[in-house]
């Protein structure tokens, strides 16, 4: 009998695996962080901090959502999910509870979601058409090279024909006329009978 092998599912891009692993690890850290903060506040205030428990337990709830999302991405074949920018933003907001690791993971995941390869993977995974990036316009073909002019025989000035006029000499600049210094005085009138 011949064995038939089923080709493996297209593997996730490296950044998608990175997103899944980071989200899974961060989910575990957030669950432990939230439970630790809640236990510390409740026990540290002799159970009066139980009032703050709904606020301090929020990282734990986020951790559960992170683990579910990451496990969907790591499944073979991956289950259809959208890129979860909401989870990434909530990871960044976990810095309010003092979890700096979660903030770093959230920033990295948001950056990875903008990678074209990751966008294409999620589009294929969800069966949506992959957006085609606009192509750069093709420059028009360069104009054809002009044909070379026929060769011109260069004659020496002595061989030049006498009927061609010589180039005119450039005009010399004219001198400026300056008026006499006595131009302000009234002109003398020779027709005056009184003189």
N, C-alpha and C. Protein backbone atom coordinates (compact mmCIF):
# COMPACT_ATOMS: atom_id res chain seq x y z
N UNK A 1 0.83 -1.18 0.00
CA UNK A 1 0.00 0.00 0.00
C UNK A 1 0.86 1.23 0.00
N UNK A 2 0.42 2.20 -0.73
CA UNK A 2 1.17 3.45 -0.75
C UNK A 2 0.52 4.42 0.24
N UNK A 3 1.38 5.11 0.92
CA UNK A 3 0.87 6.08 1.89
C UNK A 3 0.70 7.42 1.20
N UNK A 4 -0.42 8.02 1.46
CA UNK A 4 -0.63 9.37 0.93
C UNK A 4 -0.38 10.36 2.05
N UNK A 5 0.37 11.34 1.74
CA UNK A 5 0.66 12.36 2.75
C UNK A 5 -0.10 13.62 2.41
N UNK A 6 -0.62 14.20 3.42
CA UNK A 6 -1.36 15.47 3.26
C UNK A 6 -0.34 16.59 3.45
N UNK A 7 -0.29 17.51 2.50
CA UNK A 7 0.68 18.59 2.67
C UNK A 7 0.32 19.42 3.90
N UNK A 8 1.32 19.84 4.63
CA UNK A 8 1.04 20.61 5.84
C UNK A 8 0.41 21.96 5.49
N UNK A 9 -0.35 22.45 6.45
CA UNK A 9 -0.98 23.75 6.29
C UNK A 9 0.13 24.80 6.14
N UNK A 10 -0.14 25.82 5.34
CA UNK A 10 0.85 26.89 5.19
C UNK A 10 1.23 27.40 6.57
N UNK A 11 2.48 27.42 6.82
CA UNK A 11 2.94 27.84 8.13
C UNK A 11 2.73 29.33 8.32
N UNK A 12 2.56 29.68 9.58
CA UNK A 12 2.40 31.10 9.91
C UNK A 12 3.70 31.83 9.64
N UNK A 13 3.60 33.09 9.27
CA UNK A 13 4.83 33.89 9.18
C UNK A 13 5.47 33.98 10.57
N UNK A 14 6.74 34.24 10.58
CA UNK A 14 7.47 34.31 11.84
C UNK A 14 6.90 35.34 12.80
N UNK A 15 6.47 36.48 12.27
CA UNK A 15 5.93 37.51 13.15
C UNK A 15 4.60 37.10 13.77
N UNK A 16 3.81 36.29 13.06
CA UNK A 16 2.54 35.82 13.63
C UNK A 16 2.82 34.86 14.78
N UNK A 17 3.80 34.00 14.61
CA UNK A 17 4.18 33.11 15.71
C UNK A 17 4.71 33.92 16.89
N UNK A 18 5.47 34.96 16.59
CA UNK A 18 5.99 35.82 17.65
C UNK A 18 4.85 36.49 18.40
N UNK A 19 3.86 36.99 17.65
CA UNK A 19 2.70 37.63 18.28
C UNK A 19 2.00 36.62 19.20
N UNK A 20 1.80 35.40 18.70
CA UNK A 20 1.09 34.38 19.49
C UNK A 20 1.86 34.02 20.75
N UNK A 21 3.16 33.80 20.62
CA UNK A 21 3.97 33.39 21.78
C UNK A 21 4.05 34.52 22.80
N UNK A 22 4.29 35.75 22.33
CA UNK A 22 4.35 36.89 23.26
C UNK A 22 3.02 37.08 23.97
N UNK A 23 1.92 36.93 23.24
CA UNK A 23 0.60 37.11 23.86
C UNK A 23 0.33 36.00 24.87
N UNK A 24 0.74 34.78 24.57
CA UNK A 24 0.55 33.67 25.49
C UNK A 24 1.36 33.88 26.78
N UNK A 25 2.62 34.23 26.62
CA UNK A 25 3.46 34.46 27.80
C UNK A 25 2.93 35.64 28.60
N UNK A 26 2.51 36.68 27.91
CA UNK A 26 1.99 37.85 28.62
C UNK A 26 0.68 37.53 29.31
N UNK A 27 -0.13 36.63 28.73
CA UNK A 27 -1.36 36.22 29.40
C UNK A 27 -1.07 35.53 30.72
N UNK A 28 -0.07 34.65 30.71
CA UNK A 28 0.31 33.96 31.95
C UNK A 28 0.82 34.96 32.98
N UNK A 29 1.68 35.90 32.52
CA UNK A 29 2.23 36.92 33.42
C UNK A 29 1.10 37.78 33.98
N UNK A 30 0.14 38.17 33.15
CA UNK A 30 -0.96 39.01 33.62
C UNK A 30 -1.85 38.28 34.62
N UNK A 31 -2.08 36.99 34.42
CA UNK A 31 -2.88 36.23 35.39
C UNK A 31 -2.17 36.21 36.74
N UNK A 32 -0.88 35.90 36.71
CA UNK A 32 -0.12 35.87 37.97
C UNK A 32 -0.02 37.26 38.59
N UNK A 33 0.19 38.27 37.75
CA UNK A 33 0.32 39.65 38.24
C UNK A 33 -0.97 40.11 38.89
N UNK A 34 -2.09 39.87 38.22
CA UNK A 34 -3.38 40.31 38.76
C UNK A 34 -3.72 39.60 40.06
N UNK A 35 -3.48 38.29 40.11
CA UNK A 35 -3.76 37.55 41.35
C UNK A 35 -2.82 37.99 42.47
N UNK A 36 -1.56 38.26 42.11
CA UNK A 36 -0.60 38.72 43.12
C UNK A 36 -0.96 40.08 43.68
N UNK A 37 -1.33 41.01 42.81
CA UNK A 37 -1.71 42.35 43.29
C UNK A 37 -2.97 42.27 44.15
N UNK A 38 -3.94 41.49 43.69
CA UNK A 38 -5.19 41.37 44.44
C UNK A 38 -4.94 40.73 45.80
N UNK A 39 -4.15 39.67 45.82
CA UNK A 39 -3.86 39.02 47.10
C UNK A 39 -3.09 39.97 48.01
N UNK A 40 -2.14 40.72 47.45
CA UNK A 40 -1.36 41.65 48.26
C UNK A 40 -2.21 42.76 48.85
N UNK A 41 -3.13 43.32 48.05
CA UNK A 41 -3.97 44.41 48.54
C UNK A 41 -4.97 43.89 49.58
N UNK A 42 -5.56 42.73 49.30
CA UNK A 42 -6.57 42.20 50.23
C UNK A 42 -5.92 41.77 51.54
N UNK A 43 -4.82 41.03 51.46
CA UNK A 43 -4.18 40.56 52.69
C UNK A 43 -3.41 41.67 53.40
N UNK A 44 -2.88 42.60 52.63
CA UNK A 44 -2.11 43.69 53.23
C UNK A 44 -2.96 44.69 53.98
N UNK A 45 -4.23 44.75 53.68
CA UNK A 45 -5.12 45.69 54.37
C UNK A 45 -6.10 44.96 55.28
N UNK A 46 -5.80 43.71 55.60
CA UNK A 46 -6.64 42.90 56.48
C UNK A 46 -8.08 42.84 55.96
N UNK A 47 -8.19 42.50 54.70
CA UNK A 47 -9.45 42.25 53.99
C UNK A 47 -10.28 43.51 53.74
N UNK A 48 -9.79 44.67 54.12
CA UNK A 48 -10.49 45.91 53.78
C UNK A 48 -10.26 46.21 52.30
N UNK A 49 -9.15 45.79 51.77
CA UNK A 49 -8.82 46.00 50.36
C UNK A 49 -9.67 45.17 49.42
N UNK A 50 -10.55 44.38 49.99
CA UNK A 50 -11.47 43.60 49.16
C UNK A 50 -12.34 44.52 48.31
N UNK A 51 -12.48 45.74 48.75
CA UNK A 51 -13.24 46.74 47.98
C UNK A 51 -12.51 47.04 46.67
N UNK A 52 -11.19 46.99 46.68
CA UNK A 52 -10.38 47.28 45.49
C UNK A 52 -10.22 46.08 44.58
N UNK A 53 -10.68 44.91 44.98
CA UNK A 53 -10.47 43.69 44.21
C UNK A 53 -11.00 43.78 42.79
N UNK A 54 -12.16 44.40 42.53
CA UNK A 54 -12.61 44.48 41.13
C UNK A 54 -11.62 45.24 40.23
N UNK A 55 -10.89 46.15 40.78
CA UNK A 55 -9.91 46.91 39.97
C UNK A 55 -8.61 46.12 39.84
N UNK A 56 -8.16 45.52 40.90
CA UNK A 56 -6.87 44.83 40.86
C UNK A 56 -6.95 43.49 40.15
N UNK A 57 -8.13 42.96 39.94
CA UNK A 57 -8.27 41.68 39.26
C UNK A 57 -8.30 41.84 37.73
N UNK A 58 -8.37 43.08 37.23
CA UNK A 58 -8.47 43.32 35.78
C UNK A 58 -7.33 42.72 34.97
N UNK A 59 -6.06 42.78 35.42
CA UNK A 59 -5.01 42.11 34.64
C UNK A 59 -5.24 40.60 34.50
N UNK A 60 -5.87 39.99 35.50
CA UNK A 60 -6.15 38.55 35.42
C UNK A 60 -7.16 38.27 34.31
N UNK A 61 -8.19 39.09 34.22
CA UNK A 61 -9.20 38.92 33.18
C UNK A 61 -8.57 39.11 31.80
N UNK A 62 -7.73 40.13 31.67
CA UNK A 62 -7.03 40.35 30.40
C UNK A 62 -6.14 39.16 30.07
N UNK A 63 -5.49 38.59 31.07
CA UNK A 63 -4.62 37.43 30.85
C UNK A 63 -5.38 36.24 30.28
N UNK A 64 -6.61 36.04 30.74
CA UNK A 64 -7.42 34.93 30.21
C UNK A 64 -7.73 35.17 28.74
N UNK A 65 -8.14 36.41 28.40
CA UNK A 65 -8.42 36.72 26.99
C UNK A 65 -7.18 36.58 26.12
N UNK A 66 -6.03 36.97 26.65
CA UNK A 66 -4.77 36.83 25.90
C UNK A 66 -4.45 35.37 25.62
N UNK A 67 -4.65 34.52 26.60
CA UNK A 67 -4.33 33.11 26.41
C UNK A 67 -5.26 32.47 25.39
N UNK A 68 -6.55 32.80 25.42
CA UNK A 68 -7.50 32.25 24.45
C UNK A 68 -7.12 32.69 23.04
N UNK A 69 -6.80 33.97 22.88
CA UNK A 69 -6.42 34.51 21.56
C UNK A 69 -5.14 33.85 21.06
N UNK A 70 -4.14 33.73 21.92
CA UNK A 70 -2.86 33.15 21.52
C UNK A 70 -3.02 31.68 21.13
N UNK A 71 -3.85 30.94 21.86
CA UNK A 71 -4.04 29.53 21.54
C UNK A 71 -4.77 29.36 20.21
N UNK A 72 -5.64 30.28 19.87
CA UNK A 72 -6.30 30.23 18.55
C UNK A 72 -5.28 30.45 17.43
N UNK A 73 -4.32 31.34 17.67
CA UNK A 73 -3.28 31.58 16.65
C UNK A 73 -2.30 30.42 16.54
N UNK A 74 -2.03 29.75 17.66
CA UNK A 74 -1.05 28.66 17.65
C UNK A 74 -1.65 27.33 17.20
N UNK A 75 -2.97 27.24 17.09
CA UNK A 75 -3.60 25.98 16.67
C UNK A 75 -3.18 25.64 15.25
N UNK A 76 -3.24 24.32 14.91
CA UNK A 76 -2.90 23.90 13.56
C UNK A 76 -4.11 23.24 12.95
N UNK A 77 -4.72 23.78 11.95
CA UNK A 77 -4.54 25.10 11.35
C UNK A 77 -5.12 26.18 12.27
N UNK A 78 -4.60 27.39 12.16
CA UNK A 78 -5.08 28.46 13.03
C UNK A 78 -6.56 28.75 12.79
N UNK A 79 -7.24 29.09 13.86
CA UNK A 79 -8.66 29.44 13.74
C UNK A 79 -8.78 30.87 13.22
N UNK A 80 -9.84 31.14 12.46
CA UNK A 80 -10.00 32.51 11.95
C UNK A 80 -10.19 33.52 13.08
N UNK A 81 -9.27 34.44 13.18
CA UNK A 81 -9.35 35.54 14.16
C UNK A 81 -8.84 36.80 13.49
N UNK A 82 -9.31 37.91 13.96
CA UNK A 82 -8.83 39.19 13.47
C UNK A 82 -7.62 39.62 14.31
N UNK A 83 -6.78 40.50 13.78
CA UNK A 83 -5.71 41.04 14.63
C UNK A 83 -6.35 41.81 15.79
N UNK A 84 -5.99 41.48 16.99
CA UNK A 84 -6.64 42.07 18.16
C UNK A 84 -5.85 43.26 18.67
N UNK A 85 -6.11 44.41 18.09
CA UNK A 85 -5.46 45.62 18.58
C UNK A 85 -6.00 46.02 19.94
N UNK A 86 -7.23 45.59 20.25
CA UNK A 86 -7.81 45.90 21.56
C UNK A 86 -6.99 45.24 22.66
N UNK A 87 -6.65 43.98 22.48
CA UNK A 87 -5.84 43.30 23.49
C UNK A 87 -4.48 43.97 23.61
N UNK A 88 -3.89 44.37 22.48
CA UNK A 88 -2.58 45.02 22.53
C UNK A 88 -2.66 46.35 23.28
N UNK A 89 -3.73 47.10 23.06
CA UNK A 89 -3.87 48.39 23.76
C UNK A 89 -4.09 48.16 25.26
N UNK A 90 -4.88 47.16 25.61
CA UNK A 90 -5.09 46.85 27.03
C UNK A 90 -3.79 46.36 27.68
N UNK A 91 -2.95 45.68 26.90
CA UNK A 91 -1.64 45.29 27.43
C UNK A 91 -0.80 46.52 27.76
N UNK A 92 -0.86 47.50 26.90
CA UNK A 92 -0.12 48.75 27.16
C UNK A 92 -0.67 49.43 28.40
N UNK A 93 -1.99 49.41 28.57
CA UNK A 93 -2.60 50.07 29.73
C UNK A 93 -2.31 49.35 31.04
N UNK A 94 -1.83 48.12 30.98
CA UNK A 94 -1.48 47.39 32.20
C UNK A 94 -0.31 48.02 32.94
N UNK A 95 0.35 48.98 32.31
CA UNK A 95 1.44 49.67 32.99
C UNK A 95 0.89 50.43 34.20
N UNK A 96 -0.41 50.73 34.19
CA UNK A 96 -1.05 51.40 35.33
C UNK A 96 -0.95 50.53 36.58
N UNK A 97 -1.00 49.23 36.39
CA UNK A 97 -0.90 48.32 37.53
C UNK A 97 0.55 47.99 37.87
N UNK A 98 1.48 48.56 37.11
CA UNK A 98 2.90 48.34 37.39
C UNK A 98 3.53 47.25 36.55
N UNK A 99 2.81 46.72 35.59
CA UNK A 99 3.32 45.62 34.76
C UNK A 99 3.97 46.20 33.50
N UNK A 100 5.26 46.46 33.56
CA UNK A 100 6.00 47.05 32.45
C UNK A 100 6.19 46.04 31.32
N UNK A 101 6.34 44.75 31.66
CA UNK A 101 6.50 43.72 30.65
C UNK A 101 5.29 43.69 29.71
N UNK A 102 4.11 43.83 30.26
CA UNK A 102 2.89 43.82 29.45
C UNK A 102 2.86 45.02 28.50
N UNK A 103 3.33 46.16 28.96
CA UNK A 103 3.38 47.34 28.10
C UNK A 103 4.31 47.12 26.92
N UNK A 104 5.46 46.54 27.16
CA UNK A 104 6.43 46.28 26.09
C UNK A 104 5.85 45.30 25.08
N UNK A 105 5.20 44.25 25.56
CA UNK A 105 4.59 43.27 24.66
C UNK A 105 3.50 43.94 23.83
N UNK A 106 2.68 44.78 24.44
CA UNK A 106 1.61 45.47 23.71
C UNK A 106 2.15 46.35 22.60
N UNK A 107 3.23 47.07 22.87
CA UNK A 107 3.82 47.93 21.84
C UNK A 107 4.38 47.08 20.69
N UNK A 108 5.09 46.01 21.03
CA UNK A 108 5.66 45.15 19.98
C UNK A 108 4.56 44.52 19.12
N UNK A 109 3.49 44.06 19.76
CA UNK A 109 2.41 43.42 19.01
C UNK A 109 1.74 44.43 18.07
N UNK A 110 1.54 45.66 18.52
CA UNK A 110 0.96 46.68 17.64
C UNK A 110 1.86 46.95 16.44
N UNK A 111 3.16 46.97 16.67
CA UNK A 111 4.09 47.19 15.56
C UNK A 111 4.04 46.01 14.59
N UNK A 112 3.99 44.80 15.13
CA UNK A 112 3.97 43.61 14.27
C UNK A 112 2.68 43.52 13.45
N UNK A 113 1.57 44.00 14.00
CA UNK A 113 0.30 43.97 13.25
C UNK A 113 0.36 44.82 11.98
N UNK A 114 1.23 45.80 11.94
CA UNK A 114 1.33 46.69 10.77
C UNK A 114 2.24 46.15 9.68
N UNK A 115 2.86 45.02 9.91
CA UNK A 115 3.73 44.42 8.89
C UNK A 115 2.87 43.89 7.74
N UNK A 116 3.25 44.14 6.48
CA UNK A 116 2.44 43.68 5.35
C UNK A 116 2.25 42.16 5.31
N UNK A 117 3.27 41.41 5.71
CA UNK A 117 3.17 39.95 5.70
C UNK A 117 2.13 39.48 6.72
N UNK A 118 2.06 40.14 7.87
CA UNK A 118 1.10 39.78 8.91
C UNK A 118 -0.32 40.16 8.44
N UNK A 119 -0.45 41.33 7.84
CA UNK A 119 -1.76 41.74 7.31
C UNK A 119 -2.26 40.74 6.27
N UNK A 120 -1.36 40.30 5.40
CA UNK A 120 -1.73 39.33 4.36
C UNK A 120 -2.15 38.00 4.99
N UNK A 121 -1.44 37.57 6.04
CA UNK A 121 -1.78 36.32 6.70
C UNK A 121 -3.19 36.38 7.30
N UNK A 122 -3.50 37.46 8.01
CA UNK A 122 -4.82 37.57 8.62
C UNK A 122 -5.91 37.69 7.56
N UNK A 123 -5.61 38.33 6.45
CA UNK A 123 -6.60 38.44 5.36
C UNK A 123 -6.87 37.05 4.77
N UNK A 124 -5.82 36.25 4.55
CA UNK A 124 -6.00 34.88 4.03
C UNK A 124 -6.72 34.01 5.04
N UNK A 125 -6.37 34.17 6.31
CA UNK A 125 -6.95 33.36 7.37
C UNK A 125 -8.46 33.60 7.49
N UNK A 126 -8.87 34.82 7.30
CA UNK A 126 -10.28 35.17 7.44
C UNK A 126 -11.04 35.14 6.12
N UNK A 127 -10.37 34.81 5.03
CA UNK A 127 -11.03 34.71 3.74
C UNK A 127 -11.41 36.04 3.13
N UNK A 128 -10.79 37.11 3.55
CA UNK A 128 -11.06 38.42 2.96
C UNK A 128 -10.04 38.67 1.86
N UNK A 129 -10.43 39.45 0.87
CA UNK A 129 -9.46 39.72 -0.20
C UNK A 129 -8.27 40.50 0.34
N UNK A 130 -7.13 40.11 -0.15
CA UNK A 130 -5.89 40.76 0.26
C UNK A 130 -5.81 42.10 -0.45
N UNK A 131 -5.66 43.19 0.30
CA UNK A 131 -5.54 44.48 -0.36
C UNK A 131 -4.24 44.55 -1.15
N UNK A 132 -4.37 44.97 -2.39
CA UNK A 132 -3.20 45.08 -3.25
C UNK A 132 -2.60 46.46 -3.07
N UNK A 133 -1.33 46.53 -2.71
CA UNK A 133 -0.72 47.84 -2.55
C UNK A 133 -0.65 48.54 -3.91
N UNK A 134 -0.83 49.85 -3.91
CA UNK A 134 -0.78 50.56 -5.19
C UNK A 134 0.61 50.44 -5.81
N UNK A 135 0.59 50.24 -7.12
CA UNK A 135 1.87 50.13 -7.82
C UNK A 135 2.39 51.52 -8.15
N UNK A 136 3.68 51.60 -8.20
CA UNK A 136 4.30 52.86 -8.59
C UNK A 136 4.03 53.07 -10.08
N UNK A 137 3.73 54.30 -10.49
CA UNK A 137 3.47 54.52 -11.91
C UNK A 137 4.72 54.23 -12.75
N UNK A 138 4.45 53.66 -13.89
CA UNK A 138 5.54 53.32 -14.80
C UNK A 138 5.93 54.60 -15.54
N UNK A 139 7.20 54.97 -15.50
CA UNK A 139 7.59 56.20 -16.21
C UNK A 139 7.47 55.99 -17.72
N UNK A 140 7.11 57.04 -18.44
CA UNK A 140 7.00 56.90 -19.90
C UNK A 140 8.37 56.60 -20.51
N UNK A 141 8.32 55.97 -21.66
CA UNK A 141 9.56 55.62 -22.35
C UNK A 141 10.31 56.90 -22.73
N UNK A 142 11.61 56.87 -22.64
CA UNK A 142 12.37 58.07 -23.01
C UNK A 142 12.20 58.36 -24.50
N UNK A 143 12.24 59.63 -24.87
CA UNK A 143 12.09 59.96 -26.30
C UNK A 143 13.24 59.36 -27.11
N UNK A 144 12.93 59.10 -28.36
CA UNK A 144 13.94 58.52 -29.24
C UNK A 144 15.09 59.51 -29.40
N UNK A 145 16.27 58.98 -29.51
CA UNK A 145 17.44 59.83 -29.66
C UNK A 145 17.37 60.54 -31.01
N UNK A 146 17.67 61.84 -31.05
CA UNK A 146 17.62 62.55 -32.34
C UNK A 146 18.71 62.02 -33.28
N UNK A 147 18.39 62.09 -34.55
CA UNK A 147 19.36 61.63 -35.53
C UNK A 147 20.52 62.62 -35.59
N UNK A 148 21.72 62.12 -35.78
CA UNK A 148 22.86 63.05 -35.83
C UNK A 148 22.80 63.92 -37.09
N UNK A 149 23.22 65.16 -36.93
CA UNK A 149 23.24 66.10 -38.06
C UNK A 149 24.34 65.68 -39.03
N UNK A 150 24.16 65.98 -40.32
CA UNK A 150 25.22 65.63 -41.27
C UNK A 150 26.49 66.39 -40.94
N UNK A 151 27.61 65.80 -41.21
CA UNK A 151 28.89 66.48 -40.89
C UNK A 151 29.05 67.76 -41.69
N UNK A 152 29.54 68.78 -41.04
CA UNK A 152 29.77 70.08 -41.67
C UNK A 152 31.26 70.23 -41.90
N UNK A 153 31.62 70.64 -43.15
CA UNK A 153 33.02 70.88 -43.45
C UNK A 153 33.43 72.20 -42.81
N UNK A 154 34.43 72.14 -42.02
CA UNK A 154 34.92 73.36 -41.37
C UNK A 154 36.04 73.93 -42.24
N UNK A 155 35.83 75.16 -42.71
CA UNK A 155 36.84 75.81 -43.53
C UNK A 155 37.60 76.80 -42.69
N UNK A 156 38.84 76.99 -43.01
CA UNK A 156 39.63 77.98 -42.28
C UNK A 156 39.22 79.37 -42.75
N UNK A 157 39.43 80.43 -41.98
CA UNK A 157 39.04 81.79 -42.37
C UNK A 157 39.69 82.23 -43.68
N UNK A 158 40.87 81.75 -43.99
CA UNK A 158 41.52 82.16 -45.22
C UNK A 158 40.80 81.57 -46.43
N UNK A 159 40.20 80.40 -46.25
CA UNK A 159 39.50 79.77 -47.35
C UNK A 159 38.06 80.23 -47.48
N UNK A 160 37.57 81.02 -46.54
CA UNK A 160 36.17 81.44 -46.55
C UNK A 160 35.91 82.27 -47.80
N UNK A 161 34.73 82.15 -48.32
CA UNK A 161 34.37 82.89 -49.54
C UNK A 161 34.32 84.37 -49.24
N UNK A 162 34.79 85.24 -50.18
CA UNK A 162 34.81 86.68 -49.92
C UNK A 162 33.41 87.29 -49.94
N UNK A 163 32.41 86.62 -50.52
CA UNK A 163 31.08 87.22 -50.60
C UNK A 163 30.33 87.12 -49.27
N UNK A 164 30.83 86.37 -48.29
CA UNK A 164 30.15 86.33 -47.00
C UNK A 164 30.56 87.55 -46.20
N UNK A 165 29.61 88.26 -45.69
CA UNK A 165 29.97 89.47 -44.93
C UNK A 165 30.63 89.10 -43.62
N UNK A 166 31.52 89.94 -43.19
CA UNK A 166 32.21 89.73 -41.94
C UNK A 166 31.25 90.07 -40.80
N UNK A 167 31.47 89.50 -39.69
CA UNK A 167 30.61 89.76 -38.55
C UNK A 167 30.75 91.22 -38.15
N UNK A 168 29.64 91.89 -37.91
CA UNK A 168 29.73 93.30 -37.54
C UNK A 168 30.42 93.44 -36.19
N UNK A 169 31.16 94.54 -36.09
CA UNK A 169 31.85 94.80 -34.85
C UNK A 169 30.85 95.29 -33.82
N UNK A 170 31.06 94.95 -32.60
CA UNK A 170 30.12 95.42 -31.58
C UNK A 170 30.19 96.94 -31.44
N UNK A 171 29.04 97.53 -31.14
CA UNK A 171 28.99 98.99 -31.00
C UNK A 171 29.70 99.41 -29.73
N UNK A 172 30.39 100.56 -29.85
CA UNK A 172 31.05 101.10 -28.69
C UNK A 172 30.02 101.87 -27.87
N UNK A 173 30.13 101.80 -26.58
CA UNK A 173 29.16 102.54 -25.77
C UNK A 173 29.29 104.04 -25.99
N UNK A 174 28.13 104.71 -26.09
CA UNK A 174 28.16 106.16 -26.30
C UNK A 174 28.41 106.86 -25.00
N UNK A 175 29.06 108.01 -25.13
CA UNK A 175 29.35 108.79 -23.93
C UNK A 175 28.09 109.54 -23.54
N UNK A 176 27.93 109.73 -22.31
CA UNK A 176 26.78 110.43 -21.79
C UNK A 176 27.00 111.91 -21.81
N UNK A 177 25.98 112.63 -22.23
CA UNK A 177 26.10 114.09 -22.23
C UNK A 177 25.64 114.61 -20.89
N UNK A 178 26.46 115.53 -20.36
CA UNK A 178 26.14 116.13 -19.08
C UNK A 178 25.78 117.58 -19.33
N UNK A 179 24.74 118.06 -18.71
CA UNK A 179 24.30 119.46 -18.89
C UNK A 179 25.28 120.40 -18.20
N UNK A 180 25.31 121.66 -18.69
CA UNK A 180 26.18 122.66 -18.08
C UNK A 180 25.77 122.90 -16.64
N UNK A 181 26.70 123.43 -15.90
CA UNK A 181 26.42 123.70 -14.51
C UNK A 181 25.46 124.87 -14.37
N UNK A 182 25.41 125.79 -15.33
CA UNK A 182 24.56 126.98 -15.25
C UNK A 182 23.19 126.73 -15.85
N UNK A 183 22.76 125.63 -15.92
CA UNK A 183 21.44 125.36 -16.51
C UNK A 183 20.33 125.81 -15.60
N UNK A 184 20.64 126.05 -14.34
CA UNK A 184 19.60 126.49 -13.42
C UNK A 184 19.26 127.97 -13.64
N UNK A 185 20.19 128.71 -14.15
CA UNK A 185 19.96 130.16 -14.37
C UNK A 185 19.03 130.35 -15.55
N UNK A 186 18.34 131.45 -15.57
CA UNK A 186 17.39 131.75 -16.65
C UNK A 186 18.14 132.03 -17.94
N UNK A 187 17.65 131.61 -19.08
CA UNK A 187 18.35 131.84 -20.34
C UNK A 187 18.30 133.33 -20.73
N UNK A 188 19.38 133.75 -21.35
CA UNK A 188 19.42 135.16 -21.77
C UNK A 188 18.57 135.32 -23.02
N UNK A 189 17.85 136.45 -23.05
CA UNK A 189 16.97 136.71 -24.18
C UNK A 189 17.53 137.87 -24.99
N UNK A 190 17.95 137.63 -26.23
CA UNK A 190 18.55 138.66 -27.08
C UNK A 190 17.48 139.54 -27.74
N UNK A 191 16.27 139.23 -27.71
CA UNK A 191 15.23 140.01 -28.36
C UNK A 191 14.62 141.04 -27.41
N UNK A 192 15.19 141.24 -26.30
CA UNK A 192 14.62 142.19 -25.35
C UNK A 192 14.93 143.61 -25.78
N UNK A 193 13.94 144.46 -26.04
CA UNK A 193 14.19 145.83 -26.52
C UNK A 193 14.76 146.73 -25.45
N UNK A 194 14.65 146.36 -24.23
CA UNK A 194 15.13 147.22 -23.18
C UNK A 194 16.63 147.20 -23.07
N UNK A 195 17.29 146.31 -23.65
CA UNK A 195 18.74 146.29 -23.53
C UNK A 195 19.43 146.97 -24.61
